[in-house]
C-alpha atoms as a PDB file:
ATOM      1  CA  MET A   1    -104.155 -76.309 -40.888  1.00  0.00           C
ATOM      2  CA  LYS A   2    -103.176 -75.378 -44.466  1.00  0.00           C
ATOM      3  CA  ASN A   3    -100.285 -73.231 -43.240  1.00  0.00           C
ATOM      4  CA  VAL A   4     -98.561 -76.218 -41.308  1.00  0.00           C
ATOM      5  CA  PRO A   5     -96.206 -77.091 -44.175  1.00  0.00           C
ATOM      6  CA  VAL A   6     -95.146 -73.508 -44.455  1.00  0.00           C
ATOM      7  CA  ILE A   7     -94.522 -73.257 -40.684  1.00  0.00           C
ATOM      8  CA  LEU A   8     -92.529 -76.453 -40.668  1.00  0.00           C
ATOM      9  CA  PHE A   9     -90.380 -74.905 -43.710  1.00  0.00           C
ATOM     10  CA  VAL A  10     -89.702 -71.746 -41.537  1.00  0.00           C
ATOM     11  CA  VAL A  11     -88.898 -74.134 -38.415  1.00  0.00           C
ATOM     12  CA  PHE A  12     -86.334 -76.136 -40.480  1.00  0.00           C
ATOM     13  CA  CYS A  13     -84.901 -73.180 -42.131  1.00  0.00           C
ATOM     14  CA  LEU A  14     -84.008 -71.826 -38.619  1.00  0.00           C
ATOM     15  CA  PHE A  15     -82.880 -75.161 -37.429  1.00  0.00           C
ATOM     16  CA  VAL A  16     -80.335 -75.639 -40.120  1.00  0.00           C
ATOM     17  CA  GLY A  17     -79.390 -71.879 -40.257  1.00  0.00           C
ATOM     18  CA  PHE A  18     -80.687 -71.348 -43.867  1.00  0.00           C
ATOM     19  CA  THR A  19     -82.151 -68.170 -45.426  1.00  0.00           C
ATOM     20  CA  PRO A  20     -84.350 -68.451 -48.506  1.00  0.00           C
ATOM     21  CA  ALA A  21     -82.185 -66.160 -51.139  1.00  0.00           C
ATOM     22  CA  LEU A  22     -83.633 -62.908 -51.957  1.00  0.00           C
ATOM     23  CA  ALA A  23     -83.762 -61.702 -55.514  1.00  0.00           C
ATOM     24  CA  ALA A  24     -79.939 -60.759 -56.639  1.00  0.00           C
ATOM     25  CA  HIS A  25     -79.186 -57.446 -58.396  1.00  0.00           C
ATOM     26  CA  TYR A  26     -75.790 -58.341 -59.397  1.00  0.00           C
ATOM     27  CA  GLU A  27     -73.717 -61.073 -60.614  1.00  0.00           C
ATOM     28  CA  VAL A  28     -70.163 -60.769 -59.232  1.00  0.00           C
ATOM     29  CA  LYS A  29     -67.140 -62.382 -61.164  1.00  0.00           C
ATOM     30  CA  GLN A  30     -63.361 -62.086 -61.118  1.00  0.00           C
ATOM     31  CA  VAL A  31     -61.779 -60.324 -64.124  1.00  0.00           C
ATOM     32  CA  GLU A  32     -58.403 -60.289 -62.863  1.00  0.00           C
ATOM     33  CA  GLU A  33     -56.561 -60.746 -59.433  1.00  0.00           C
ATOM     34  CA  GLY A  34     -57.972 -58.228 -57.003  1.00  0.00           C
ATOM     35  CA  VAL A  35     -60.636 -56.906 -59.582  1.00  0.00           C
ATOM     36  CA  TYR A  36     -64.031 -57.900 -59.848  1.00  0.00           C
ATOM     37  CA  ALA A  37     -67.162 -57.088 -61.998  1.00  0.00           C
ATOM     38  CA  ALA A  38     -70.468 -56.706 -60.555  1.00  0.00           C
ATOM     39  CA  ILE A  39     -72.959 -57.300 -63.595  1.00  0.00           C
ATOM     40  CA  ALA A  40     -76.600 -55.958 -63.404  1.00  0.00           C
ATOM     41  CA  LEU A  41     -78.846 -58.803 -63.721  1.00  0.00           C
ATOM     42  CA  PRO A  42     -81.911 -58.079 -66.043  1.00  0.00           C
ATOM     43  CA  GLU A  43     -84.342 -59.414 -63.314  1.00  0.00           C
ATOM     44  CA  GLY A  44     -82.785 -57.042 -60.537  1.00  0.00           C
ATOM     45  CA  LYS A  45     -83.235 -53.493 -59.852  1.00  0.00           C
ATOM     46  CA  ALA A  46     -79.469 -52.298 -60.489  1.00  0.00           C
ATOM     47  CA  ALA A  47     -79.426 -49.955 -63.552  1.00  0.00           C
ATOM     48  CA  SER A  48     -75.693 -50.046 -64.077  1.00  0.00           C
ATOM     49  CA  ASN A  49     -72.639 -52.579 -63.665  1.00  0.00           C
ATOM     50  CA  ALA A  50     -70.082 -51.921 -60.958  1.00  0.00           C
ATOM     51  CA  MET A  51     -66.392 -52.739 -60.338  1.00  0.00           C
ATOM     52  CA  ILE A  52     -64.715 -53.986 -57.086  1.00  0.00           C
ATOM     53  CA  VAL A  53     -60.995 -53.554 -56.811  1.00  0.00           C
ATOM     54  CA  VAL A  54     -59.443 -55.089 -53.591  1.00  0.00           C
ATOM     55  CA  THR A  55     -56.192 -53.796 -52.703  1.00  0.00           C
ATOM     56  CA  PRO A  56     -53.852 -54.291 -49.705  1.00  0.00           C
ATOM     57  CA  TYR A  57     -55.574 -52.229 -46.997  1.00  0.00           C
ATOM     58  CA  GLN A  58     -58.983 -51.279 -48.461  1.00  0.00           C
ATOM     59  CA  VAL A  59     -61.642 -52.055 -51.164  1.00  0.00           C
ATOM     60  CA  ILE A  60     -62.631 -49.571 -53.656  1.00  0.00           C
ATOM     61  CA  LEU A  61     -66.051 -49.821 -55.381  1.00  0.00           C
ATOM     62  CA  ALA A  62     -66.804 -47.960 -58.585  1.00  0.00           C
ATOM     63  CA  GLY A  63     -70.159 -47.290 -60.483  1.00  0.00           C
ATOM     64  CA  ALA A  64     -73.333 -45.449 -60.679  1.00  0.00           C
ATOM     65  CA  HIS A  65     -77.221 -45.616 -59.796  1.00  0.00           C
ATOM     66  CA  PHE A  66     -76.524 -47.492 -56.404  1.00  0.00           C
ATOM     67  CA  LEU A  67     -79.763 -48.062 -54.869  1.00  0.00           C
ATOM     68  CA  PRO A  68     -79.898 -48.977 -51.243  1.00  0.00           C
ATOM     69  CA  GLU A  69     -80.603 -52.618 -51.560  1.00  0.00           C
ATOM     70  CA  GLY A  70     -77.909 -52.883 -54.303  1.00  0.00           C
ATOM     71  CA  ILE A  71     -75.497 -51.338 -51.925  1.00  0.00           C
ATOM     72  CA  ARG A  72     -76.020 -53.701 -49.216  1.00  0.00           C
ATOM     73  CA  GLU A  73     -75.838 -56.517 -51.571  1.00  0.00           C
ATOM     74  CA  LEU A  74     -72.249 -55.270 -52.842  1.00  0.00           C
ATOM     75  CA  VAL A  75     -71.292 -54.676 -49.216  1.00  0.00           C
ATOM     76  CA  ASP A  76     -72.004 -58.351 -48.584  1.00  0.00           C
ATOM     77  CA  ALA A  77     -70.316 -59.508 -51.663  1.00  0.00           C
ATOM     78  CA  ILE A  78     -67.160 -57.729 -50.815  1.00  0.00           C
ATOM     79  CA  ALA A  79     -67.380 -59.375 -47.352  1.00  0.00           C
ATOM     80  CA  GLN A  80     -67.485 -62.733 -49.168  1.00  0.00           C
ATOM     81  CA  ILE A  81     -64.427 -61.851 -51.265  1.00  0.00           C
ATOM     82  CA  THR A  82     -62.140 -60.175 -48.673  1.00  0.00           C
ATOM     83  CA  PRO A  83     -61.888 -58.986 -45.116  1.00  0.00           C
ATOM     84  CA  VAL A  84     -60.581 -55.950 -46.201  1.00  0.00           C
ATOM     85  CA  PRO A  85     -62.994 -53.121 -45.654  1.00  0.00           C
ATOM     86  CA  LEU A  86     -64.767 -51.088 -48.452  1.00  0.00           C
ATOM     87  CA  ARG A  87     -63.504 -47.616 -47.690  1.00  0.00           C
ATOM     88  CA  HIS A  88     -63.892 -45.779 -51.323  1.00  0.00           C
ATOM     89  CA  VAL A  89     -66.688 -45.350 -53.803  1.00  0.00           C
ATOM     90  CA  ILE A  90     -65.825 -43.904 -57.201  1.00  0.00           C
ATOM     91  CA  LEU A  91     -69.045 -42.402 -58.216  1.00  0.00           C
ATOM     92  CA  THR A  92     -68.551 -42.423 -62.251  1.00  0.00           C
ATOM     93  CA  HIS A  93     -71.778 -40.091 -62.652  1.00  0.00           C
ATOM     94  CA  HIS A  94     -75.199 -38.986 -61.343  1.00  0.00           C
ATOM     95  CA  HIS A  95     -78.398 -38.140 -63.038  1.00  0.00           C
ATOM     96  CA  PRO A  96     -80.089 -35.135 -61.423  1.00  0.00           C
ATOM     97  CA  GLY A  97     -83.330 -35.731 -59.835  1.00  0.00           C
ATOM     98  CA  TYR A  98     -82.543 -39.179 -58.687  1.00  0.00           C
ATOM     99  CA  ASN A  99     -82.555 -38.957 -55.011  1.00  0.00           C
ATOM    100  CA  HIS A 100     -83.079 -42.466 -54.124  1.00  0.00           C
ATOM    101  CA  VAL A 101     -79.601 -43.512 -55.552  1.00  0.00           C
ATOM    102  CA  ASP A 102     -76.169 -42.844 -54.729  1.00  0.00           C
ATOM    103  CA  PHE A 103     -76.893 -41.503 -51.285  1.00  0.00           C
ATOM    104  CA  ASP A 104     -76.957 -44.582 -48.946  1.00  0.00           C
ATOM    105  CA  PHE A 105     -73.383 -45.650 -48.612  1.00  0.00           C
ATOM    106  CA  PRO A 106     -71.964 -46.624 -45.120  1.00  0.00           C
ATOM    107  CA  ALA A 107     -70.858 -43.402 -43.573  1.00  0.00           C
ATOM    108  CA  ASN A 108     -67.091 -44.254 -43.361  1.00  0.00           C
ATOM    109  CA  VAL A 109     -67.058 -44.766 -47.009  1.00  0.00           C
ATOM    110  CA  GLU A 110     -65.468 -41.842 -48.972  1.00  0.00           C
ATOM    111  CA  ILE A 111     -66.770 -40.955 -52.343  1.00  0.00           C
ATOM    112  CA  ILE A 112     -64.617 -39.824 -55.247  1.00  0.00           C
ATOM    113  CA  THR A 113     -65.870 -38.344 -58.143  1.00  0.00           C
ATOM    114  CA  SER A 114     -65.698 -35.586 -60.923  1.00  0.00           C
ATOM    115  CA  TRP A 115     -66.488 -31.777 -59.795  1.00  0.00           C
ATOM    116  CA  GLN A 116     -69.447 -31.988 -62.261  1.00  0.00           C
ATOM    117  CA  THR A 117     -70.984 -34.887 -60.566  1.00  0.00           C
ATOM    118  CA  TRP A 118     -70.365 -33.441 -57.090  1.00  0.00           C
ATOM    119  CA  GLN A 119     -72.351 -30.310 -58.075  1.00  0.00           C
ATOM    120  CA  ALA A 120     -75.326 -32.707 -59.453  1.00  0.00           C
ATOM    121  CA  LEU A 121     -75.156 -34.406 -55.659  1.00  0.00           C
ATOM    122  CA  ARG A 122     -75.081 -31.029 -54.129  1.00  0.00           C
ATOM    123  CA  GLY A 123     -78.237 -29.942 -56.174  1.00  0.00           C
ATOM    124  CA  GLU A 124     -80.489 -32.928 -54.816  1.00  0.00           C
ATOM    125  CA  SER A 125     -82.767 -32.259 -51.785  1.00  0.00           C
ATOM    126  CA  ARG A 126     -80.916 -34.808 -49.734  1.00  0.00           C
ATOM    127  CA  GLN A 127     -77.917 -34.342 -47.833  1.00  0.00           C
ATOM    128  CA  LEU A 128     -74.845 -36.673 -48.455  1.00  0.00           C
ATOM    129  CA  ARG A 129     -73.329 -37.824 -45.155  1.00  0.00           C
ATOM    130  CA  ASN A 130     -69.998 -39.182 -46.587  1.00  0.00           C
ATOM    131  CA  HIS A 131     -66.753 -37.455 -47.214  1.00  0.00           C
ATOM    132  CA  VAL A 132     -66.225 -36.312 -50.874  1.00  0.00           C
ATOM    133  CA  THR A 133     -63.305 -35.609 -52.830  1.00  0.00           C
ATOM    134  CA  PHE A 134     -63.805 -34.496 -56.290  1.00  0.00           C
ATOM    135  CA  PHE A 135     -61.393 -33.452 -59.267  1.00  0.00           C
ATOM    136  CA  ASP A 136     -61.310 -31.491 -62.443  1.00  0.00           C
ATOM    137  CA  LYS A 137     -59.627 -33.662 -65.139  1.00  0.00           C
ATOM    138  CA  GLY A 138     -57.931 -36.562 -63.879  1.00  0.00           C
ATOM    139  CA  LEU A 139     -56.473 -38.325 -60.620  1.00  0.00           C
ATOM    140  CA  THR A 140     -54.117 -41.290 -59.897  1.00  0.00           C
ATOM    141  CA  LEU A 141     -54.645 -43.257 -57.142  1.00  0.00           C
ATOM    142  CA  ILE A 142     -51.748 -45.880 -55.939  1.00  0.00           C
ATOM    143  CA  ARG A 143     -52.747 -48.598 -53.665  1.00  0.00           C
ATOM    144  CA  GLY A 144     -49.680 -50.915 -53.291  1.00  0.00           C
ATOM    145  CA  LYS A 145     -49.133 -52.657 -56.602  1.00  0.00           C
ATOM    146  CA  THR A 146     -52.705 -51.383 -57.904  1.00  0.00           C
ATOM    147  CA  VAL A 147     -52.703 -48.203 -59.964  1.00  0.00           C
ATOM    148  CA  LEU A 148     -56.092 -46.665 -60.799  1.00  0.00           C
ATOM    149  CA  VAL A 149     -56.112 -43.800 -63.420  1.00  0.00           C
ATOM    150  CA  LEU A 150     -59.322 -41.770 -63.277  1.00  0.00           C
ATOM    151  CA  ASN A 151     -60.053 -39.166 -66.065  1.00  0.00           C
ATOM    152  CA  SER A 152     -63.123 -36.932 -66.264  1.00  0.00           C
ATOM    153  CA  THR A 153     -64.912 -36.194 -69.675  1.00  0.00           C
ATOM    154  CA  GLU A 154     -66.426 -32.792 -70.070  1.00  0.00           C
ATOM    155  CA  PHE A 155     -69.509 -34.183 -71.871  1.00  0.00           C
ATOM    156  CA  GLY A 156     -70.449 -37.658 -72.926  1.00  0.00           C
ATOM    157  CA  HIS A 157     -73.167 -40.017 -71.496  1.00  0.00           C
ATOM    158  CA  ARG A 158     -73.467 -37.205 -68.831  1.00  0.00           C
ATOM    159  CA  GLU A 159     -71.339 -34.099 -67.736  1.00  0.00           C
ATOM    160  CA  GLY A 160     -68.232 -35.317 -65.963  1.00  0.00           C
ATOM    161  CA  ASP A 161     -68.180 -39.132 -66.783  1.00  0.00           C
ATOM    162  CA  ILE A 162     -65.258 -40.856 -65.081  1.00  0.00           C
ATOM    163  CA  ILE A 163     -63.366 -43.293 -67.051  1.00  0.00           C
ATOM    164  CA  LEU A 164     -61.424 -45.802 -64.697  1.00  0.00           C
ATOM    165  CA  TYR A 165     -58.381 -47.523 -65.835  1.00  0.00           C
ATOM    166  CA  LEU A 166     -56.087 -50.214 -64.334  1.00  0.00           C
ATOM    167  CA  PRO A 167     -53.119 -50.361 -66.329  1.00  0.00           C
ATOM    168  CA  ASN A 168     -51.346 -53.263 -64.627  1.00  0.00           C
ATOM    169  CA  GLU A 169     -54.374 -55.405 -64.933  1.00  0.00           C
ATOM    170  CA  GLY A 170     -55.337 -54.057 -68.380  1.00  0.00           C
ATOM    171  CA  VAL A 171     -58.814 -53.384 -67.054  1.00  0.00           C
ATOM    172  CA  LEU A 172     -60.802 -50.492 -68.401  1.00  0.00           C
ATOM    173  CA  PHE A 173     -64.088 -49.318 -66.437  1.00  0.00           C
ATOM    174  CA  THR A 174     -66.440 -47.086 -68.809  1.00  0.00           C
ATOM    175  CA  SER A 175     -69.488 -47.288 -66.690  1.00  0.00           C
ATOM    176  CA  ASP A 176     -72.486 -45.933 -69.159  1.00  0.00           C
ATOM    177  CA  LEU A 177     -70.323 -44.418 -71.837  1.00  0.00           C
ATOM    178  CA  PHE A 178     -70.403 -48.071 -73.259  1.00  0.00           C
ATOM    179  CA  TYR A 179     -73.063 -50.827 -73.382  1.00  0.00           C
ATOM    180  CA  ASN A 180     -72.118 -54.175 -74.663  1.00  0.00           C
ATOM    181  CA  ASP A 181     -74.397 -55.544 -77.178  1.00  0.00           C
ATOM    182  CA  VAL A 182     -77.473 -53.930 -75.501  1.00  0.00           C
ATOM    183  CA  VAL A 183     -78.915 -50.258 -75.947  1.00  0.00           C
ATOM    184  CA  GLY A 184     -78.893 -48.271 -72.499  1.00  0.00           C
ATOM    185  CA  TYR A 185     -80.136 -44.598 -71.732  1.00  0.00           C
ATOM    186  CA  MET A 186     -78.671 -41.910 -73.846  1.00  0.00           C
ATOM    187  CA  GLY A 187     -81.229 -39.330 -72.596  1.00  0.00           C
ATOM    188  CA  GLU A 188     -78.580 -36.666 -71.525  1.00  0.00           C
ATOM    189  CA  GLY A 189     -75.699 -37.234 -73.749  1.00  0.00           C
ATOM    190  CA  LYS A 190     -73.660 -34.926 -75.826  1.00  0.00           C
ATOM    191  CA  MET A 191     -73.657 -37.102 -79.029  1.00  0.00           C
ATOM    192  CA  ARG A 192     -70.520 -35.769 -80.756  1.00  0.00           C
ATOM    193  CA  ASP A 193     -68.333 -35.703 -77.708  1.00  0.00           C
ATOM    194  CA  TRP A 194     -69.698 -39.194 -76.952  1.00  0.00           C
ATOM    195  CA  VAL A 195     -68.357 -40.548 -80.086  1.00  0.00           C
ATOM    196  CA  VAL A 196     -64.979 -39.105 -79.793  1.00  0.00           C
ATOM    197  CA  THR A 197     -64.797 -40.354 -76.398  1.00  0.00           C
ATOM    198  CA  LEU A 198     -65.668 -43.956 -77.755  1.00  0.00           C
ATOM    199  CA  GLU A 199     -62.674 -43.552 -80.168  1.00  0.00           C
ATOM    200  CA  SER A 200     -60.543 -42.743 -77.399  1.00  0.00           C
ATOM    201  CA  LEU A 201     -61.404 -45.694 -75.263  1.00  0.00           C
ATOM    202  CA  GLU A 202     -60.834 -48.028 -78.174  1.00  0.00           C
ATOM    203  CA  ALA A 203     -57.156 -46.707 -78.391  1.00  0.00           C
ATOM    204  CA  VAL A 204     -56.410 -47.600 -74.836  1.00  0.00           C
ATOM    205  CA  GLY A 205     -56.189 -51.126 -76.055  1.00  0.00           C
ATOM    206  CA  ALA A 206     -57.498 -52.637 -72.724  1.00  0.00           C
ATOM    207  CA  LYS A 207     -57.600 -56.329 -72.347  1.00  0.00           C
ATOM    208  CA  HIS A 208     -60.775 -56.164 -70.231  1.00  0.00           C
ATOM    209  CA  VAL A 209     -63.502 -53.568 -70.781  1.00  0.00           C
ATOM    210  CA  LEU A 210     -66.244 -53.545 -68.199  1.00  0.00           C
ATOM    211  CA  PRO A 211     -69.358 -51.679 -69.574  1.00  0.00           C
ATOM    212  CA  GLY A 212     -72.246 -49.985 -68.006  1.00  0.00           C
ATOM    213  CA  LEU A 213     -74.544 -52.699 -69.039  1.00  0.00           C
ATOM    214  CA  GLY A 214     -73.800 -56.210 -70.620  1.00  0.00           C
ATOM    215  CA  ASP A 215     -71.207 -58.624 -69.884  1.00  0.00           C
ATOM    216  CA  VAL A 216     -67.444 -58.076 -69.686  1.00  0.00           C
ATOM    217  CA  SER A 217     -65.900 -57.219 -73.143  1.00  0.00           C
ATOM    218  CA  ASP A 218     -62.766 -55.963 -75.057  1.00  0.00           C
ATOM    219  CA  ARG A 219     -61.838 -53.657 -77.586  1.00  0.00           C
ATOM    220  CA  ALA A 220     -63.904 -55.629 -80.370  1.00  0.00           C
ATOM    221  CA  GLY A 221     -67.020 -54.968 -77.954  1.00  0.00           C
ATOM    222  CA  LEU A 222     -66.073 -51.410 -77.911  1.00  0.00           C
ATOM    223  CA  ARG A 223     -65.955 -50.963 -81.598  1.00  0.00           C
ATOM    224  CA  ARG A 224     -69.488 -52.805 -82.114  1.00  0.00           C
ATOM    225  CA  PHE A 225     -70.932 -50.135 -79.903  1.00  0.00           C
ATOM    226  CA  ARG A 226     -69.204 -47.125 -81.624  1.00  0.00           C
ATOM    227  CA  LEU A 227     -70.447 -48.504 -84.981  1.00  0.00           C
ATOM    228  CA  PHE A 228     -74.023 -48.926 -83.597  1.00  0.00           C
ATOM    229  CA  PHE A 229     -73.721 -45.376 -82.080  1.00  0.00           C
ATOM    230  CA  LYS A 230     -72.576 -43.662 -85.529  1.00  0.00           C
ATOM    231  CA  GLU A 231     -75.208 -45.574 -87.454  1.00  0.00           C
ATOM    232  CA  PHE A 232     -78.005 -44.320 -85.005  1.00  0.00           C
ATOM    233  CA  LEU A 233     -76.946 -40.779 -84.921  1.00  0.00           C
ATOM    234  CA  THR A 234     -76.516 -40.646 -88.876  1.00  0.00           C
ATOM    235  CA  GLU A 235     -80.107 -42.180 -88.905  1.00  0.00           C
ATOM    236  CA  VAL A 236     -81.341 -39.205 -86.808  1.00  0.00           C
ATOM    237  CA  LEU A 237     -79.087 -36.747 -88.864  1.00  0.00           C
ATOM    238  CA  ARG A 238     -80.587 -37.996 -92.149  1.00  0.00           C
ATOM    239  CA  HIS A 239     -84.220 -36.822 -90.733  1.00  0.00           C
ATOM    240  CA  ILE A 240     -83.099 -33.590 -89.299  1.00  0.00           C
ATOM    241  CA  GLU A 241     -81.401 -32.698 -92.730  1.00  0.00           C
ATOM    242  CA  ALA A 242     -84.320 -33.596 -94.590  1.00  0.00           C
ATOM    243  CA  GLY A 243     -86.398 -30.958 -92.619  1.00  0.00           C
ATOM    244  CA  ARG A 244     -88.481 -33.404 -90.615  1.00  0.00           C
ATOM    245  CA  SER A 245     -89.920 -32.780 -87.048  1.00  0.00           C
ATOM    246  CA  LEU A 246     -88.951 -34.920 -84.214  1.00  0.00           C
ATOM    247  CA  ALA A 247     -92.483 -36.801 -84.490  1.00  0.00           C
ATOM    248  CA  GLU A 248     -91.687 -37.541 -88.110  1.00  0.00           C
ATOM    249  CA  ALA A 249     -88.072 -38.509 -87.411  1.00  0.00           C
ATOM    250  CA  LYS A 250     -89.395 -40.936 -84.944  1.00  0.00           C
ATOM    251  CA  ALA A 251     -92.132 -42.314 -87.078  1.00  0.00           C
ATOM    252  CA  ARG A 252     -89.663 -42.861 -90.178  1.00  0.00           C
ATOM    253  CA  PHE A 253     -86.546 -43.930 -88.121  1.00  0.00           C
ATOM    254  CA  ARG A 254     -85.425 -47.263 -89.642  1.00  0.00           C
ATOM    255  CA  LEU A 255     -82.358 -49.220 -88.316  1.00  0.00           C
ATOM    256  CA  PRO A 256     -83.489 -52.709 -88.941  1.00  0.00           C
ATOM    257  CA  ARG A 257     -80.253 -54.502 -88.104  1.00  0.00           C
ATOM    258  CA  TYR A 258     -80.453 -53.339 -84.432  1.00  0.00           C
ATOM    259  CA  ASP A 259     -84.085 -53.274 -83.819  1.00  0.00           C
ATOM    260  CA  ALA A 260     -84.056 -56.695 -82.057  1.00  0.00           C
ATOM    261  CA  MET A 261     -80.909 -55.456 -79.926  1.00  0.00           C
ATOM    262  CA  PRO A 262     -81.887 -55.698 -75.993  1.00  0.00           C
ATOM    263  CA  GLY A 263     -82.954 -52.113 -74.933  1.00  0.00           C
ATOM    264  CA  PHE A 264     -83.525 -50.783 -78.221  1.00  0.00           C
ATOM    265  CA  ARG A 265     -87.146 -50.331 -78.203  1.00  0.00           C
ATOM    266  CA  THR A 266     -87.003 -49.635 -74.298  1.00  0.00           C
ATOM    267  CA  PHE A 267     -85.375 -46.503 -74.698  1.00  0.00           C
ATOM    268  CA  PHE A 268     -86.099 -45.716 -78.212  1.00  0.00           C
ATOM    269  CA  ASP A 269     -88.300 -42.673 -77.626  1.00  0.00           C
ATOM    270  CA  VAL A 270     -86.111 -40.829 -75.308  1.00  0.00           C
ATOM    271  CA  ASN A 271     -82.803 -41.692 -77.232  1.00  0.00           C
ATOM    272  CA  VAL A 272     -84.104 -40.607 -80.638  1.00  0.00           C
ATOM    273  CA  GLU A 273     -85.380 -37.400 -78.998  1.00  0.00           C
ATOM    274  CA  ARG A 274     -82.179 -36.474 -77.399  1.00  0.00           C
ATOM    275  CA  SER A 275     -80.007 -37.366 -80.151  1.00  0.00           C
ATOM    276  CA  TYR A 276     -82.499 -35.098 -82.467  1.00  0.00           C
ATOM    277  CA  LEU A 277     -82.666 -32.189 -80.006  1.00  0.00           C
ATOM    278  CA  ASP A 278     -78.698 -32.372 -79.506  1.00  0.00           C
ATOM    279  CA  LEU A 279     -77.537 -32.849 -83.135  1.00  0.00           C
ATOM    280  CA  LYS A 280     -79.832 -30.204 -84.382  1.00  0.00           C
ATOM    281  CA  GLU A 281     -78.755 -27.620 -81.776  1.00  0.00           C
ATOM    282  CA  ASP A 282     -75.043 -28.298 -83.105  1.00  0.00           C
ATOM    283  CA  LEU A 283     -75.971 -27.949 -86.549  1.00  0.00           C
ATOM    284  CA  GLU A 284     -77.884 -24.751 -85.847  1.00  0.00           C
ATOM    285  CA  ALA A 285     -74.788 -23.428 -83.880  1.00  0.00           C
ATOM    286  CA  ALA A 286     -72.541 -24.278 -86.554  1.00  0.00           C
ATOM    287  CA  ALA A 287     -74.511 -22.472 -89.271  1.00  0.00           C
ATOM    288  CA  THR A 288     -74.865 -19.226 -86.821  1.00  0.00           C
ATOM    289  CA  SER A 289     -70.979 -19.474 -86.396  1.00  0.00           C
ATOM    290  CA  THR A 290     -70.321 -19.839 -90.175  1.00  0.00           C
ATOM    291  CA  GLN A 291     -72.768 -16.909 -90.933  1.00  0.00           C
ATOM    292  CA  SER A 292     -70.935 -14.738 -88.373  1.00  0.00           C
ATOM    293  CA  ARG A 293     -67.555 -15.138 -90.059  1.00  0.00           C
ATOM    294  CA  THR A 294     -68.761 -14.683 -93.524  1.00  0.00           C
ATOM    295  CA  PRO A 295     -67.857 -11.008 -94.711  1.00  0.00           C
ATOM    296  CA  ALA A 296     -70.346  -8.624 -95.782  1.00  0.00           C
ATOM    297  CA  ARG A 297     -70.324  -7.793 -99.597  1.00  0.00           C
END
C-alpha cells in the first residue's frame, strides 16, 4: 500500500485537470510589442536562445540548435501568446553532424536561411521535410508594420550566420555571434571575421540585443563581449608568436579576469584550440603572401 499516496495524487491531477510541469528549456519574455525572447535555461537542453515575432497573419521563429522537445515547447508558448500560426523559421546557422537538431519543425513551416546553412542541412543524413527559402547576402521581410532585415555573414561563429534586425522595434538578434556575459562555443569560428562583425553589430545602435546565450542585452553588452573576445584572441596570439605549441598555449593561457565567467572553463579547450589553429593559419597565410610579393634581388 506504499503507492496509495501516489495513486491518489494522480487521480487528483486528472480530476482537476492539472498536469505536473515538465522541465522547461526556455523562458519566454516580451521584449517589444509582438517580439519575444526565448531564453535558453541553464537547467534545460536548449543550447541557444530563440526569438518569436508575431505579425498580423503569421508568427516567425528565429534561432538555431532546435531540439524536438524544444520545438514542441516553443510551439506551445506561441499558442499561449497568440492564435496566429507559426509559418516561418529563420534558421540562423547549423553545425554539420548534428542530425538531432533543426529537422523536426512542423511540416507546414517554411525554413528561411542562408545558402551556407542550406548546404550544411543538405549534407546531413536526414531529409528535411520543410519547404526552404535561402539567400546569399541579404533579405528583407515585410509583414504588416513589422520589417525584418536579414543579413548573412560569410564567416563568423559559423559560415553564413544570419543577423536579424527589426528597425521599427529596435531589436537585434545576433544568435551565437554574441554571448551576453557568458562564454559559448567558438569551435568553428573564423576569429578575425568574427571581431569585425561584432564591431558592425555595435554600430547598429539597437535598443535591445538578443544574444545566443544569456539574457536580453544592449549595445553595452555587445561591447563587453567584443572586449572579452579580443583579449581572448590576444592571449592566444601571444603564445603563437612565442613559438609555443597548442598544448603549451593551453597550459600557459592566462586570462584571470574572465576565468570565473560562466562557460569559460566548459568551452576552454575547444575555444583555445580553434582560436590557435585559425589565427596561426592566418599568420602563415599572411607571411606567405608577403614573401610572394617581395621582389627577388
